[in-house]
Amino acid sequence: MDIRSQPEFMHEEALVGWVKSRALDNGYIVVKRRTKKSKITDSVIKVWLMCDRGGKHNSIAIFRRSGSKKIGCPFQLIGLYNEVRESWKLQVINDNHNHEPAQNLEGHPYVRRFTQEEQDMVENLTSNTWILVTFFRA
């Protein structure tokens, strides 16, 4: 995944969206690991991004062996906000994965999530007024 030639971004959402779309095109899923807010403005100034297979599984199971998709993938990026230029820049910590890209993403839990627009549409369609109208028509 070639992420070394990235533009500057005006918003955090644009940076994260760009990284996620580039990763998805290459068969990987990138998620937010954590964010850091400014103490003065209370806005996000730093965001850590990692592969969804990064980290390790912390199991507290005693009798049951539970599985995990986490295999310690070292892929990691950091998005930094530059207050002088008022833009976001991507810093590459490690751009290597220790696993092959997914061949089929249709069944992946992250890809199946609703977007914010889809969530809003479901909320509007299931509002109490529409439920009542449908109920009284029947």
N, C-alpha and C. Protein backbone atom coordinates (compact mmCIF):
# COMPACT_ATOMS: atom_id res chain seq x y z
N MET A 1 0.85 -1.17 0.00
CA MET A 1 0.00 0.00 0.00
C MET A 1 0.89 1.23 0.00
N ASP A 2 0.80 2.06 -1.02
CA ASP A 2 1.64 3.24 -1.14
C ASP A 2 0.96 4.42 -0.46
N ILE A 3 1.38 4.71 0.76
CA ILE A 3 0.79 5.83 1.49
C ILE A 3 1.81 6.92 1.76
N ARG A 4 2.99 6.77 1.19
CA ARG A 4 4.03 7.77 1.41
C ARG A 4 3.77 9.04 0.61
N SER A 5 3.03 8.95 -0.47
CA SER A 5 2.73 10.12 -1.30
C SER A 5 1.32 10.60 -1.01
N GLN A 6 1.12 11.16 0.16
CA GLN A 6 -0.21 11.60 0.57
C GLN A 6 -0.28 13.13 0.59
N PRO A 7 -1.43 13.66 0.30
CA PRO A 7 -1.60 15.12 0.37
C PRO A 7 -1.83 15.58 1.81
N GLU A 8 -1.91 16.90 1.99
CA GLU A 8 -2.33 17.44 3.28
C GLU A 8 -3.84 17.51 3.28
N PHE A 9 -4.42 17.43 4.47
CA PHE A 9 -5.86 17.38 4.60
C PHE A 9 -6.33 18.53 5.48
N MET A 10 -7.52 19.02 5.21
CA MET A 10 -8.06 20.13 5.98
C MET A 10 -8.78 19.66 7.25
N HIS A 11 -9.26 18.42 7.26
CA HIS A 11 -10.01 17.90 8.40
C HIS A 11 -9.52 16.50 8.76
N GLU A 12 -9.71 16.14 10.01
CA GLU A 12 -9.33 14.81 10.48
C GLU A 12 -10.13 13.74 9.74
N GLU A 13 -11.42 13.99 9.53
CA GLU A 13 -12.26 13.00 8.85
C GLU A 13 -11.77 12.73 7.43
N ALA A 14 -11.26 13.78 6.76
CA ALA A 14 -10.74 13.61 5.41
C ALA A 14 -9.49 12.74 5.41
N LEU A 15 -8.61 12.96 6.37
CA LEU A 15 -7.39 12.16 6.48
C LEU A 15 -7.73 10.70 6.77
N VAL A 16 -8.58 10.46 7.75
CA VAL A 16 -8.95 9.09 8.13
C VAL A 16 -9.69 8.41 6.98
N GLY A 17 -10.57 9.13 6.32
CA GLY A 17 -11.30 8.57 5.19
C GLY A 17 -10.38 8.19 4.04
N TRP A 18 -9.38 9.04 3.77
CA TRP A 18 -8.42 8.76 2.70
C TRP A 18 -7.62 7.50 3.02
N VAL A 19 -7.12 7.41 4.25
CA VAL A 19 -6.33 6.24 4.65
C VAL A 19 -7.18 4.97 4.57
N LYS A 20 -8.41 5.04 5.09
CA LYS A 20 -9.28 3.86 5.08
C LYS A 20 -9.62 3.42 3.67
N SER A 21 -9.87 4.36 2.77
CA SER A 21 -10.21 3.98 1.39
C SER A 21 -9.00 3.39 0.67
N ARG A 22 -7.80 3.96 0.90
CA ARG A 22 -6.59 3.40 0.29
C ARG A 22 -6.33 1.98 0.82
N ALA A 23 -6.52 1.79 2.11
CA ALA A 23 -6.29 0.47 2.70
C ALA A 23 -7.32 -0.53 2.17
N LEU A 24 -8.57 -0.11 2.08
CA LEU A 24 -9.63 -1.00 1.60
C LEU A 24 -9.38 -1.41 0.15
N ASP A 25 -8.88 -0.48 -0.67
CA ASP A 25 -8.56 -0.81 -2.06
C ASP A 25 -7.48 -1.88 -2.15
N ASN A 26 -6.62 -1.95 -1.14
CA ASN A 26 -5.53 -2.93 -1.13
C ASN A 26 -5.85 -4.17 -0.31
N GLY A 27 -7.06 -4.28 0.24
CA GLY A 27 -7.47 -5.48 0.95
C GLY A 27 -7.19 -5.47 2.44
N TYR A 28 -6.95 -4.29 3.01
CA TYR A 28 -6.69 -4.17 4.44
C TYR A 28 -7.75 -3.28 5.08
N ILE A 29 -7.91 -3.41 6.38
CA ILE A 29 -8.83 -2.57 7.13
C ILE A 29 -8.01 -1.78 8.13
N VAL A 30 -8.19 -0.45 8.15
CA VAL A 30 -7.48 0.42 9.08
C VAL A 30 -8.51 1.02 10.03
N VAL A 31 -8.19 1.03 11.31
CA VAL A 31 -9.09 1.56 12.33
C VAL A 31 -8.34 2.58 13.19
N LYS A 32 -9.11 3.41 13.89
CA LYS A 32 -8.51 4.35 14.83
C LYS A 32 -8.09 3.60 16.08
N ARG A 33 -6.87 3.79 16.47
CA ARG A 33 -6.39 3.18 17.72
C ARG A 33 -6.73 4.08 18.90
N ARG A 34 -6.43 5.36 18.75
CA ARG A 34 -6.76 6.33 19.78
C ARG A 34 -6.63 7.73 19.19
N THR A 35 -7.12 8.71 19.93
CA THR A 35 -6.99 10.11 19.54
C THR A 35 -6.53 10.92 20.74
N LYS A 36 -5.97 12.08 20.45
CA LYS A 36 -5.54 12.99 21.51
C LYS A 36 -6.14 14.35 21.22
N LYS A 37 -6.76 14.94 22.25
CA LYS A 37 -7.38 16.25 22.11
C LYS A 37 -6.49 17.33 22.69
N SER A 38 -6.63 18.54 22.16
CA SER A 38 -5.93 19.70 22.69
C SER A 38 -6.57 20.11 24.00
N LYS A 39 -5.77 20.45 24.98
CA LYS A 39 -6.32 20.87 26.27
C LYS A 39 -6.93 22.26 26.18
N ILE A 40 -6.49 23.05 25.22
CA ILE A 40 -6.98 24.42 25.08
C ILE A 40 -8.27 24.48 24.28
N THR A 41 -8.25 23.89 23.08
CA THR A 41 -9.41 24.00 22.19
C THR A 41 -10.35 22.80 22.26
N ASP A 42 -9.94 21.72 22.92
CA ASP A 42 -10.72 20.49 23.04
C ASP A 42 -11.04 19.87 21.68
N SER A 43 -10.19 20.13 20.68
CA SER A 43 -10.35 19.51 19.38
C SER A 43 -9.24 18.48 19.19
N VAL A 44 -9.48 17.51 18.34
CA VAL A 44 -8.52 16.44 18.11
C VAL A 44 -7.30 17.01 17.38
N ILE A 45 -6.11 16.71 17.92
CA ILE A 45 -4.87 17.19 17.30
C ILE A 45 -3.96 16.05 16.85
N LYS A 46 -4.28 14.83 17.27
CA LYS A 46 -3.46 13.68 16.90
C LYS A 46 -4.33 12.44 16.87
N VAL A 47 -4.14 11.62 15.84
CA VAL A 47 -4.91 10.40 15.72
C VAL A 47 -3.97 9.26 15.32
N TRP A 48 -4.05 8.14 16.05
CA TRP A 48 -3.25 6.96 15.76
C TRP A 48 -4.12 6.00 14.97
N LEU A 49 -3.61 5.50 13.85
CA LEU A 49 -4.32 4.54 13.01
C LEU A 49 -3.51 3.25 12.96
N MET A 50 -4.23 2.13 12.97
CA MET A 50 -3.56 0.84 12.94
C MET A 50 -4.39 -0.16 12.13
N CYS A 51 -3.77 -1.27 11.79
CA CYS A 51 -4.47 -2.35 11.10
C CYS A 51 -5.44 -2.99 12.08
N ASP A 52 -6.58 -3.46 11.58
CA ASP A 52 -7.55 -4.08 12.48
C ASP A 52 -7.03 -5.40 13.04
N ARG A 53 -5.97 -5.94 12.46
CA ARG A 53 -5.38 -7.18 12.97
C ARG A 53 -4.18 -6.90 13.86
N GLY A 54 -3.94 -5.63 14.19
CA GLY A 54 -2.84 -5.26 15.07
C GLY A 54 -3.20 -5.50 16.52
N GLY A 55 -2.20 -5.49 17.37
CA GLY A 55 -2.44 -5.73 18.79
C GLY A 55 -2.48 -7.21 19.10
N LYS A 56 -2.78 -7.52 20.35
CA LYS A 56 -2.90 -8.93 20.72
C LYS A 56 -4.19 -9.15 21.49
N HIS A 57 -4.66 -10.36 21.44
CA HIS A 57 -5.93 -10.75 22.06
C HIS A 57 -5.73 -10.93 23.55
N ASN A 58 -6.50 -10.21 24.35
CA ASN A 58 -6.45 -10.35 25.81
C ASN A 58 -7.64 -11.20 26.25
N SER A 59 -7.39 -12.46 26.47
CA SER A 59 -8.46 -13.37 26.84
C SER A 59 -8.46 -13.59 28.35
N ILE A 60 -9.65 -13.52 28.94
CA ILE A 60 -9.80 -13.84 30.35
C ILE A 60 -10.55 -15.15 30.53
N ALA A 61 -10.74 -15.85 29.42
CA ALA A 61 -11.47 -17.12 29.46
C ALA A 61 -10.65 -18.17 30.20
N ILE A 62 -11.32 -18.93 31.03
CA ILE A 62 -10.65 -19.98 31.79
C ILE A 62 -10.94 -21.34 31.16
N PHE A 63 -12.20 -21.60 30.85
CA PHE A 63 -12.59 -22.90 30.35
C PHE A 63 -12.74 -22.94 28.83
N ARG A 64 -13.03 -21.83 28.22
CA ARG A 64 -13.32 -21.80 26.80
C ARG A 64 -12.18 -21.10 26.06
N ARG A 65 -11.74 -21.70 24.99
CA ARG A 65 -10.73 -21.06 24.15
C ARG A 65 -11.45 -20.20 23.13
N SER A 66 -11.27 -18.90 23.22
CA SER A 66 -11.91 -18.01 22.26
C SER A 66 -10.88 -17.55 21.25
N GLY A 67 -11.31 -17.37 20.03
CA GLY A 67 -10.41 -16.96 18.97
C GLY A 67 -10.38 -15.45 18.83
N SER A 68 -9.45 -14.99 18.03
CA SER A 68 -9.32 -13.57 17.78
C SER A 68 -8.69 -13.37 16.41
N LYS A 69 -9.01 -12.26 15.77
CA LYS A 69 -8.38 -11.94 14.50
C LYS A 69 -7.10 -11.14 14.69
N LYS A 70 -6.79 -10.79 15.91
CA LYS A 70 -5.58 -10.01 16.19
C LYS A 70 -4.35 -10.91 16.14
N ILE A 71 -3.37 -10.48 15.33
CA ILE A 71 -2.15 -11.27 15.19
C ILE A 71 -0.90 -10.41 15.37
N GLY A 72 -1.05 -9.21 15.89
CA GLY A 72 0.10 -8.35 16.14
C GLY A 72 0.64 -7.66 14.91
N CYS A 73 -0.21 -7.27 13.98
CA CYS A 73 0.23 -6.59 12.76
C CYS A 73 0.89 -5.25 13.15
N PRO A 74 2.10 -4.97 12.65
CA PRO A 74 2.82 -3.77 13.07
C PRO A 74 2.42 -2.50 12.33
N PHE A 75 1.51 -2.56 11.37
CA PHE A 75 1.13 -1.39 10.58
C PHE A 75 0.60 -0.29 11.49
N GLN A 76 1.18 0.91 11.37
CA GLN A 76 0.75 2.03 12.21
C GLN A 76 1.05 3.36 11.53
N LEU A 77 0.08 4.26 11.59
CA LEU A 77 0.19 5.62 11.07
C LEU A 77 -0.24 6.59 12.15
N ILE A 78 0.24 7.83 12.03
CA ILE A 78 -0.19 8.88 12.94
C ILE A 78 -0.59 10.09 12.10
N GLY A 79 -1.77 10.63 12.38
CA GLY A 79 -2.21 11.87 11.76
C GLY A 79 -1.97 13.01 12.72
N LEU A 80 -1.25 14.04 12.26
CA LEU A 80 -0.90 15.17 13.11
C LEU A 80 -1.51 16.45 12.57
N TYR A 81 -2.08 17.25 13.46
CA TYR A 81 -2.65 18.53 13.07
C TYR A 81 -1.58 19.61 13.23
N ASN A 82 -1.34 20.38 12.17
CA ASN A 82 -0.40 21.49 12.19
C ASN A 82 -1.19 22.78 12.40
N GLU A 83 -1.07 23.39 13.57
CA GLU A 83 -1.87 24.57 13.89
C GLU A 83 -1.48 25.78 13.06
N VAL A 84 -0.21 25.88 12.65
CA VAL A 84 0.24 27.02 11.85
C VAL A 84 -0.36 26.95 10.45
N ARG A 85 -0.28 25.78 9.83
CA ARG A 85 -0.81 25.62 8.46
C ARG A 85 -2.28 25.25 8.45
N GLU A 86 -2.84 24.93 9.63
CA GLU A 86 -4.24 24.52 9.77
C GLU A 86 -4.57 23.36 8.83
N SER A 87 -3.71 22.35 8.87
CA SER A 87 -3.93 21.18 8.03
C SER A 87 -3.42 19.93 8.75
N TRP A 88 -3.85 18.79 8.25
CA TRP A 88 -3.46 17.49 8.80
C TRP A 88 -2.43 16.85 7.89
N LYS A 89 -1.42 16.25 8.49
CA LYS A 89 -0.37 15.55 7.76
C LYS A 89 -0.26 14.13 8.31
N LEU A 90 0.04 13.20 7.45
CA LEU A 90 0.14 11.80 7.82
C LEU A 90 1.60 11.42 8.05
N GLN A 91 1.88 10.81 9.18
CA GLN A 91 3.22 10.33 9.50
C GLN A 91 3.19 8.80 9.50
N VAL A 92 4.07 8.19 8.72
CA VAL A 92 4.12 6.73 8.61
C VAL A 92 5.09 6.19 9.65
N ILE A 93 4.58 5.39 10.57
CA ILE A 93 5.41 4.73 11.58
C ILE A 93 5.90 3.39 11.04
N ASN A 94 4.99 2.58 10.56
CA ASN A 94 5.33 1.29 9.97
C ASN A 94 4.27 0.98 8.92
N ASP A 95 4.69 0.84 7.67
CA ASP A 95 3.72 0.59 6.60
C ASP A 95 3.72 -0.87 6.14
N ASN A 96 4.25 -1.76 6.95
CA ASN A 96 4.29 -3.18 6.61
C ASN A 96 3.24 -3.94 7.40
N HIS A 97 2.64 -4.92 6.73
CA HIS A 97 1.70 -5.83 7.38
C HIS A 97 2.37 -7.19 7.50
N ASN A 98 2.04 -7.95 8.53
CA ASN A 98 2.60 -9.29 8.69
C ASN A 98 1.60 -10.36 8.25
N HIS A 99 0.68 -9.99 7.38
CA HIS A 99 -0.32 -10.93 6.88
C HIS A 99 -0.69 -10.52 5.46
N GLU A 100 -1.31 -11.43 4.77
CA GLU A 100 -1.74 -11.18 3.40
C GLU A 100 -3.01 -10.32 3.40
N PRO A 101 -3.24 -9.55 2.34
CA PRO A 101 -4.50 -8.80 2.27
C PRO A 101 -5.68 -9.75 2.13
N ALA A 102 -6.82 -9.30 2.59
CA ALA A 102 -8.04 -10.11 2.52
C ALA A 102 -8.46 -10.25 1.06
N GLN A 103 -8.79 -11.45 0.66
CA GLN A 103 -9.23 -11.70 -0.71
C GLN A 103 -10.69 -11.32 -0.90
N ASN A 104 -11.49 -11.48 0.16
CA ASN A 104 -12.92 -11.26 0.06
C ASN A 104 -13.36 -10.47 1.30
N LEU A 105 -13.74 -9.21 1.11
CA LEU A 105 -14.10 -8.36 2.24
C LEU A 105 -15.60 -8.30 2.51
N GLU A 106 -16.41 -9.00 1.74
CA GLU A 106 -17.86 -8.91 1.92
C GLU A 106 -18.31 -9.35 3.30
N GLY A 107 -17.67 -10.33 3.88
CA GLY A 107 -18.08 -10.84 5.18
C GLY A 107 -17.37 -10.19 6.35
N HIS A 108 -16.51 -9.23 6.08
CA HIS A 108 -15.74 -8.61 7.15
C HIS A 108 -16.64 -7.72 8.00
N PRO A 109 -16.56 -7.82 9.33
CA PRO A 109 -17.45 -7.03 10.20
C PRO A 109 -17.32 -5.52 10.01
N TYR A 110 -16.12 -5.04 9.73
CA TYR A 110 -15.94 -3.60 9.57
C TYR A 110 -16.62 -3.09 8.30
N VAL A 111 -16.52 -3.86 7.24
CA VAL A 111 -17.11 -3.45 5.97
C VAL A 111 -18.63 -3.49 6.03
N ARG A 112 -19.18 -4.38 6.86
CA ARG A 112 -20.64 -4.50 6.97
C ARG A 112 -21.27 -3.39 7.79
N ARG A 113 -20.48 -2.56 8.46
CA ARG A 113 -21.04 -1.49 9.28
C ARG A 113 -21.79 -0.48 8.42
N PHE A 114 -22.82 0.12 9.02
CA PHE A 114 -23.53 1.19 8.34
C PHE A 114 -22.70 2.47 8.36
N THR A 115 -22.79 3.25 7.29
CA THR A 115 -22.21 4.59 7.30
C THR A 115 -23.13 5.49 8.11
N GLN A 116 -22.68 6.70 8.39
CA GLN A 116 -23.50 7.63 9.17
C GLN A 116 -24.79 7.95 8.42
N GLU A 117 -24.72 8.09 7.10
CA GLU A 117 -25.92 8.37 6.31
C GLU A 117 -26.91 7.21 6.38
N GLU A 118 -26.39 5.99 6.33
CA GLU A 118 -27.26 4.82 6.42
C GLU A 118 -27.89 4.72 7.81
N GLN A 119 -27.14 5.04 8.85
CA GLN A 119 -27.69 5.04 10.21
C GLN A 119 -28.80 6.07 10.34
N ASP A 120 -28.60 7.26 9.77
CA ASP A 120 -29.63 8.30 9.81
C ASP A 120 -30.88 7.86 9.07
N MET A 121 -30.70 7.19 7.92
CA MET A 121 -31.84 6.74 7.14
C MET A 121 -32.64 5.70 7.93
N VAL A 122 -31.97 4.76 8.58
CA VAL A 122 -32.66 3.76 9.38
C VAL A 122 -33.40 4.43 10.53
N GLU A 123 -32.77 5.42 11.16
CA GLU A 123 -33.41 6.12 12.27
C GLU A 123 -34.66 6.86 11.80
N ASN A 124 -34.58 7.50 10.62
CA ASN A 124 -35.75 8.21 10.09
C ASN A 124 -36.86 7.24 9.71
N LEU A 125 -36.49 6.11 9.13
CA LEU A 125 -37.50 5.15 8.70
C LEU A 125 -38.16 4.45 9.88
N THR A 126 -37.48 4.37 11.00
CA THR A 126 -38.04 3.68 12.15
C THR A 126 -38.49 4.64 13.25
N SER A 127 -38.72 5.89 12.88
CA SER A 127 -39.19 6.83 13.90
C SER A 127 -40.60 6.44 14.33
N ASN A 128 -40.99 6.87 15.50
CA ASN A 128 -42.29 6.48 16.07
C ASN A 128 -43.47 6.89 15.20
N THR A 129 -43.38 8.03 14.53
CA THR A 129 -44.51 8.47 13.71
C THR A 129 -44.76 7.52 12.55
N TRP A 130 -43.70 7.06 11.88
CA TRP A 130 -43.88 6.14 10.77
C TRP A 130 -44.38 4.79 11.25
N ILE A 131 -43.93 4.37 12.40
CA ILE A 131 -44.41 3.10 12.95
C ILE A 131 -45.90 3.19 13.26
N LEU A 132 -46.32 4.31 13.86
CA LEU A 132 -47.74 4.49 14.17
C LEU A 132 -48.59 4.58 12.91
N VAL A 133 -48.11 5.31 11.90
CA VAL A 133 -48.87 5.42 10.65
C VAL A 133 -49.04 4.05 10.02
N THR A 134 -47.98 3.27 9.98
CA THR A 134 -48.05 1.93 9.41
C THR A 134 -48.98 1.03 10.22
N PHE A 135 -48.94 1.17 11.53
CA PHE A 135 -49.76 0.35 12.41
C PHE A 135 -51.24 0.65 12.22
N PHE A 136 -51.61 1.94 12.12
CA PHE A 136 -53.02 2.30 11.99
C PHE A 136 -53.57 2.06 10.59
N ARG A 137 -52.73 1.99 9.58
CA ARG A 137 -53.19 1.70 8.22
C ARG A 137 -53.58 0.23 8.09
N ALA A 138 -52.98 -0.62 8.85
CA ALA A 138 -53.22 -2.06 8.72
C ALA A 138 -54.52 -2.50 9.32
